[in-house]
Amino acid sequence: MATYGYRCDVDGPVEVRLPMGTAPAVIACPDCGGSSVRTYTAPLLGLADRRRMAVIDHAEASRTEPAVVSSIPAAPRATRRPAPARRIDPRALRLPRP
């Protein structure tokens, strides 16, 4: 269910919960019975957690003001050391091969 906003000329703003995508352009006001026209508002994105809001803000900033660099960024340092090469037992070299 989604909440849709309407405005009645007599009673003011009216909110109605309907299945998503089924909201008509005009409904009857629940209080006075007059016609209420659907209004559109911005989504409530400010109610998300801080991490999501930071990602949204970063994406918006990078779209309008991309970071400018003067050189190619350095490759990231490896955090793990590579595994040492396995030592082969010299006796295994003398085994017959299939």
N, C-alpha and C. Protein backbone atom coordinates (compact mmCIF):
# COMPACT_ATOMS: atom_id res chain seq x y z
N MET A 1 0.84 -1.18 0.00
CA MET A 1 0.00 0.00 0.00
C MET A 1 0.89 1.24 0.00
N ALA A 2 0.44 2.23 -0.74
CA ALA A 2 1.16 3.49 -0.82
C ALA A 2 0.25 4.61 -0.33
N THR A 3 0.85 5.68 0.17
CA THR A 3 0.08 6.83 0.64
C THR A 3 0.09 7.88 -0.46
N TYR A 4 -1.09 8.29 -0.89
CA TYR A 4 -1.23 9.30 -1.93
C TYR A 4 -1.82 10.56 -1.32
N GLY A 5 -1.34 11.71 -1.77
CA GLY A 5 -1.81 12.99 -1.26
C GLY A 5 -2.77 13.65 -2.23
N TYR A 6 -3.85 14.20 -1.67
CA TYR A 6 -4.85 14.93 -2.44
C TYR A 6 -5.12 16.24 -1.73
N ARG A 7 -5.69 17.21 -2.46
CA ARG A 7 -6.03 18.49 -1.86
C ARG A 7 -7.49 18.81 -2.16
N CYS A 8 -8.23 18.97 -1.07
CA CYS A 8 -9.63 19.35 -1.16
C CYS A 8 -9.71 20.87 -1.04
N ASP A 9 -10.57 21.50 -1.83
CA ASP A 9 -10.71 22.96 -1.77
C ASP A 9 -11.29 23.42 -0.43
N VAL A 10 -12.05 22.58 0.22
CA VAL A 10 -12.70 22.95 1.47
C VAL A 10 -11.87 22.51 2.68
N ASP A 11 -11.46 21.25 2.71
CA ASP A 11 -10.80 20.68 3.89
C ASP A 11 -9.28 20.70 3.84
N GLY A 12 -8.69 21.00 2.71
CA GLY A 12 -7.23 21.05 2.61
C GLY A 12 -6.64 19.70 2.23
N PRO A 13 -5.43 19.39 2.74
CA PRO A 13 -4.75 18.16 2.34
C PRO A 13 -5.45 16.90 2.88
N VAL A 14 -5.49 15.88 2.02
CA VAL A 14 -6.10 14.59 2.36
C VAL A 14 -5.11 13.51 1.94
N GLU A 15 -4.87 12.55 2.82
CA GLU A 15 -4.00 11.42 2.49
C GLU A 15 -4.84 10.15 2.43
N VAL A 16 -4.61 9.34 1.38
CA VAL A 16 -5.35 8.11 1.18
C VAL A 16 -4.35 6.99 0.91
N ARG A 17 -4.58 5.82 1.54
CA ARG A 17 -3.72 4.65 1.30
C ARG A 17 -4.42 3.75 0.30
N LEU A 18 -3.74 3.51 -0.84
CA LEU A 18 -4.27 2.68 -1.92
C LEU A 18 -3.17 1.76 -2.41
N PRO A 19 -3.53 0.67 -3.11
CA PRO A 19 -2.50 -0.16 -3.72
C PRO A 19 -1.67 0.67 -4.70
N MET A 20 -0.40 0.37 -4.78
CA MET A 20 0.51 1.14 -5.62
C MET A 20 0.07 1.12 -7.08
N GLY A 21 0.04 2.30 -7.69
CA GLY A 21 -0.30 2.42 -9.10
C GLY A 21 -1.80 2.47 -9.38
N THR A 22 -2.64 2.53 -8.36
CA THR A 22 -4.08 2.55 -8.59
C THR A 22 -4.73 3.87 -8.21
N ALA A 23 -3.94 4.90 -7.90
CA ALA A 23 -4.49 6.17 -7.45
C ALA A 23 -5.08 6.95 -8.62
N PRO A 24 -6.37 7.33 -8.53
CA PRO A 24 -6.97 8.15 -9.58
C PRO A 24 -6.53 9.61 -9.46
N ALA A 25 -6.79 10.40 -10.48
CA ALA A 25 -6.40 11.80 -10.47
C ALA A 25 -7.28 12.62 -9.53
N VAL A 26 -8.54 12.22 -9.38
CA VAL A 26 -9.49 12.95 -8.52
C VAL A 26 -10.27 11.93 -7.70
N ILE A 27 -10.43 12.23 -6.39
CA ILE A 27 -11.26 11.38 -5.53
C ILE A 27 -12.26 12.26 -4.78
N ALA A 28 -13.24 11.62 -4.18
CA ALA A 28 -14.18 12.36 -3.33
C ALA A 28 -13.55 12.54 -1.97
N CYS A 29 -13.65 13.74 -1.42
CA CYS A 29 -13.09 14.03 -0.09
C CYS A 29 -13.83 13.19 0.95
N PRO A 30 -13.08 12.52 1.85
CA PRO A 30 -13.75 11.69 2.86
C PRO A 30 -14.59 12.49 3.85
N ASP A 31 -14.28 13.79 4.04
CA ASP A 31 -15.02 14.60 5.01
C ASP A 31 -16.25 15.28 4.41
N CYS A 32 -16.05 16.02 3.31
CA CYS A 32 -17.16 16.81 2.76
C CYS A 32 -17.77 16.21 1.50
N GLY A 33 -17.11 15.26 0.86
CA GLY A 33 -17.63 14.65 -0.35
C GLY A 33 -17.29 15.42 -1.62
N GLY A 34 -16.63 16.57 -1.50
CA GLY A 34 -16.22 17.35 -2.68
C GLY A 34 -15.06 16.68 -3.39
N SER A 35 -14.69 17.21 -4.55
CA SER A 35 -13.61 16.60 -5.32
C SER A 35 -12.25 17.04 -4.77
N SER A 36 -11.33 16.09 -4.70
CA SER A 36 -9.96 16.35 -4.25
C SER A 36 -9.01 15.95 -5.36
N VAL A 37 -8.14 16.87 -5.74
CA VAL A 37 -7.19 16.66 -6.83
C VAL A 37 -5.89 16.09 -6.26
N ARG A 38 -5.30 15.16 -6.97
CA ARG A 38 -4.06 14.53 -6.51
C ARG A 38 -2.92 15.52 -6.58
N THR A 39 -2.08 15.50 -5.54
CA THR A 39 -0.88 16.35 -5.50
C THR A 39 0.35 15.45 -5.48
N TYR A 40 1.45 15.97 -5.96
CA TYR A 40 2.70 15.21 -6.00
C TYR A 40 3.70 15.88 -5.08
N THR A 41 4.38 15.08 -4.26
CA THR A 41 5.38 15.60 -3.34
C THR A 41 6.69 14.85 -3.54
N ALA A 42 7.73 15.41 -2.98
CA ALA A 42 9.04 14.76 -3.07
C ALA A 42 9.04 13.51 -2.19
N PRO A 43 9.78 12.47 -2.59
CA PRO A 43 9.85 11.27 -1.75
C PRO A 43 10.58 11.57 -0.44
N LEU A 44 10.29 10.81 0.58
CA LEU A 44 10.88 11.02 1.90
C LEU A 44 12.21 10.29 2.02
N LEU A 45 13.18 10.74 1.25
CA LEU A 45 14.49 10.10 1.27
C LEU A 45 15.28 10.47 2.51
N GLY A 46 14.93 11.56 3.16
CA GLY A 46 15.66 12.00 4.34
C GLY A 46 15.46 11.09 5.53
N LEU A 47 14.55 10.14 5.46
CA LEU A 47 14.31 9.25 6.58
C LEU A 47 15.17 7.99 6.52
N ALA A 48 16.04 7.89 5.53
CA ALA A 48 16.91 6.72 5.41
C ALA A 48 18.06 6.83 6.42
N ASP A 49 18.80 5.74 6.61
CA ASP A 49 19.91 5.78 7.54
C ASP A 49 21.06 6.62 6.96
N ARG A 50 22.02 6.95 7.81
CA ARG A 50 23.10 7.87 7.41
C ARG A 50 23.96 7.33 6.29
N ARG A 51 24.24 6.03 6.29
CA ARG A 51 25.08 5.47 5.23
C ARG A 51 24.42 5.63 3.87
N ARG A 52 23.14 5.30 3.79
CA ARG A 52 22.43 5.45 2.51
C ARG A 52 22.39 6.90 2.07
N MET A 53 22.13 7.79 3.00
CA MET A 53 22.09 9.21 2.64
C MET A 53 23.46 9.68 2.17
N ALA A 54 24.54 9.20 2.78
CA ALA A 54 25.88 9.58 2.35
C ALA A 54 26.16 9.08 0.94
N VAL A 55 25.73 7.87 0.62
CA VAL A 55 25.92 7.34 -0.73
C VAL A 55 25.12 8.15 -1.74
N ILE A 56 23.89 8.49 -1.41
CA ILE A 56 23.06 9.30 -2.31
C ILE A 56 23.69 10.67 -2.52
N ASP A 57 24.15 11.30 -1.43
CA ASP A 57 24.78 12.62 -1.55
C ASP A 57 26.06 12.55 -2.37
N HIS A 58 26.86 11.51 -2.17
CA HIS A 58 28.10 11.36 -2.93
C HIS A 58 27.82 11.16 -4.42
N ALA A 59 26.82 10.35 -4.73
CA ALA A 59 26.46 10.12 -6.13
C ALA A 59 25.97 11.41 -6.78
N GLU A 60 25.19 12.17 -6.06
CA GLU A 60 24.69 13.44 -6.60
C GLU A 60 25.83 14.42 -6.81
N ALA A 61 26.76 14.50 -5.86
CA ALA A 61 27.89 15.42 -5.99
C ALA A 61 28.79 15.01 -7.14
N SER A 62 29.02 13.72 -7.32
CA SER A 62 29.91 13.29 -8.40
C SER A 62 29.26 13.49 -9.77
N ARG A 63 27.94 13.54 -9.81
CA ARG A 63 27.25 13.77 -11.08
C ARG A 63 27.39 15.22 -11.52
N THR A 64 27.28 16.15 -10.58
CA THR A 64 27.31 17.56 -10.94
C THR A 64 28.69 18.18 -10.82
N GLU A 65 29.54 17.66 -9.92
CA GLU A 65 30.88 18.20 -9.72
C GLU A 65 31.89 17.06 -9.63
N PRO A 66 32.27 16.46 -10.75
CA PRO A 66 33.19 15.33 -10.70
C PRO A 66 34.57 15.76 -10.19
N ALA A 67 35.25 14.86 -9.53
CA ALA A 67 36.59 15.14 -9.02
C ALA A 67 37.56 15.23 -10.20
N VAL A 68 38.41 16.25 -10.19
CA VAL A 68 39.39 16.44 -11.25
C VAL A 68 40.76 16.03 -10.72
N VAL A 69 41.47 15.21 -11.48
CA VAL A 69 42.79 14.75 -11.07
C VAL A 69 43.82 15.25 -12.07
N SER A 70 45.07 15.41 -11.61
CA SER A 70 46.13 15.89 -12.49
C SER A 70 47.05 14.77 -12.95
N SER A 71 46.91 13.58 -12.34
CA SER A 71 47.73 12.45 -12.75
C SER A 71 46.96 11.16 -12.49
N ILE A 72 47.51 10.07 -13.00
CA ILE A 72 46.89 8.77 -12.81
C ILE A 72 47.06 8.36 -11.35
N PRO A 73 46.01 7.91 -10.68
CA PRO A 73 46.16 7.50 -9.28
C PRO A 73 47.10 6.31 -9.14
N ALA A 74 47.80 6.26 -8.01
CA ALA A 74 48.72 5.16 -7.74
C ALA A 74 47.93 3.87 -7.51
N ALA A 75 48.55 2.76 -7.84
CA ALA A 75 47.91 1.46 -7.63
C ALA A 75 47.80 1.21 -6.12
N PRO A 76 46.72 0.61 -5.69
CA PRO A 76 46.59 0.33 -4.25
C PRO A 76 47.62 -0.69 -3.80
N ARG A 77 48.07 -0.54 -2.57
CA ARG A 77 49.05 -1.47 -2.01
C ARG A 77 48.37 -2.79 -1.67
N ALA A 78 49.12 -3.84 -1.86
CA ALA A 78 48.60 -5.16 -1.51
C ALA A 78 48.60 -5.28 0.01
N THR A 79 47.52 -5.77 0.56
CA THR A 79 47.44 -5.90 2.01
C THR A 79 47.95 -7.25 2.49
N ARG A 80 47.96 -8.25 1.59
CA ARG A 80 48.44 -9.58 1.97
C ARG A 80 49.72 -9.88 1.21
N ARG A 81 50.60 -10.59 1.87
CA ARG A 81 51.82 -11.04 1.19
C ARG A 81 51.48 -12.23 0.33
N PRO A 82 52.12 -12.34 -0.83
CA PRO A 82 51.85 -13.53 -1.65
C PRO A 82 52.34 -14.78 -0.94
N ALA A 83 51.65 -15.88 -1.17
CA ALA A 83 52.03 -17.15 -0.54
C ALA A 83 53.38 -17.61 -1.11
N PRO A 84 54.24 -18.15 -0.26
CA PRO A 84 55.53 -18.61 -0.77
C PRO A 84 55.33 -19.80 -1.73
N ALA A 85 56.22 -19.90 -2.70
CA ALA A 85 56.12 -21.00 -3.67
C ALA A 85 56.35 -22.32 -2.97
N ARG A 86 55.58 -23.33 -3.39
CA ARG A 86 55.74 -24.66 -2.77
C ARG A 86 57.06 -25.28 -3.20
N ARG A 87 57.74 -25.83 -2.25
CA ARG A 87 58.99 -26.52 -2.56
C ARG A 87 58.67 -27.94 -2.99
N ILE A 88 59.28 -28.35 -4.05
CA ILE A 88 59.07 -29.71 -4.54
C ILE A 88 60.16 -30.60 -3.97
N ASP A 89 59.74 -31.72 -3.46
CA ASP A 89 60.68 -32.70 -2.92
C ASP A 89 61.51 -33.24 -4.09
N PRO A 90 62.84 -33.18 -4.03
CA PRO A 90 63.65 -33.65 -5.15
C PRO A 90 63.40 -35.11 -5.50
N ARG A 91 62.95 -35.90 -4.56
CA ARG A 91 62.67 -37.31 -4.86
C ARG A 91 61.46 -37.44 -5.78
N ALA A 92 60.54 -36.44 -5.73
CA ALA A 92 59.36 -36.51 -6.57
C ALA A 92 59.72 -36.31 -8.05
N LEU A 93 60.84 -35.65 -8.31
CA LEU A 93 61.26 -35.42 -9.71
C LEU A 93 61.69 -36.73 -10.37
N ARG A 94 62.13 -37.72 -9.58
CA ARG A 94 62.60 -38.99 -10.14
C ARG A 94 61.48 -39.99 -10.37
N LEU A 95 60.25 -39.65 -9.94
CA LEU A 95 59.14 -40.58 -10.14
C LEU A 95 58.78 -40.67 -11.62
N PRO A 96 58.32 -41.84 -12.07
CA PRO A 96 57.94 -41.97 -13.48
C PRO A 96 56.68 -41.13 -13.77
N ARG A 97 56.66 -40.58 -14.95
CA ARG A 97 55.53 -39.75 -15.38
C ARG A 97 54.58 -40.60 -16.21
N PRO A 98 53.28 -40.34 -16.14
CA PRO A 98 52.34 -41.15 -16.95
C PRO A 98 52.42 -40.83 -18.42
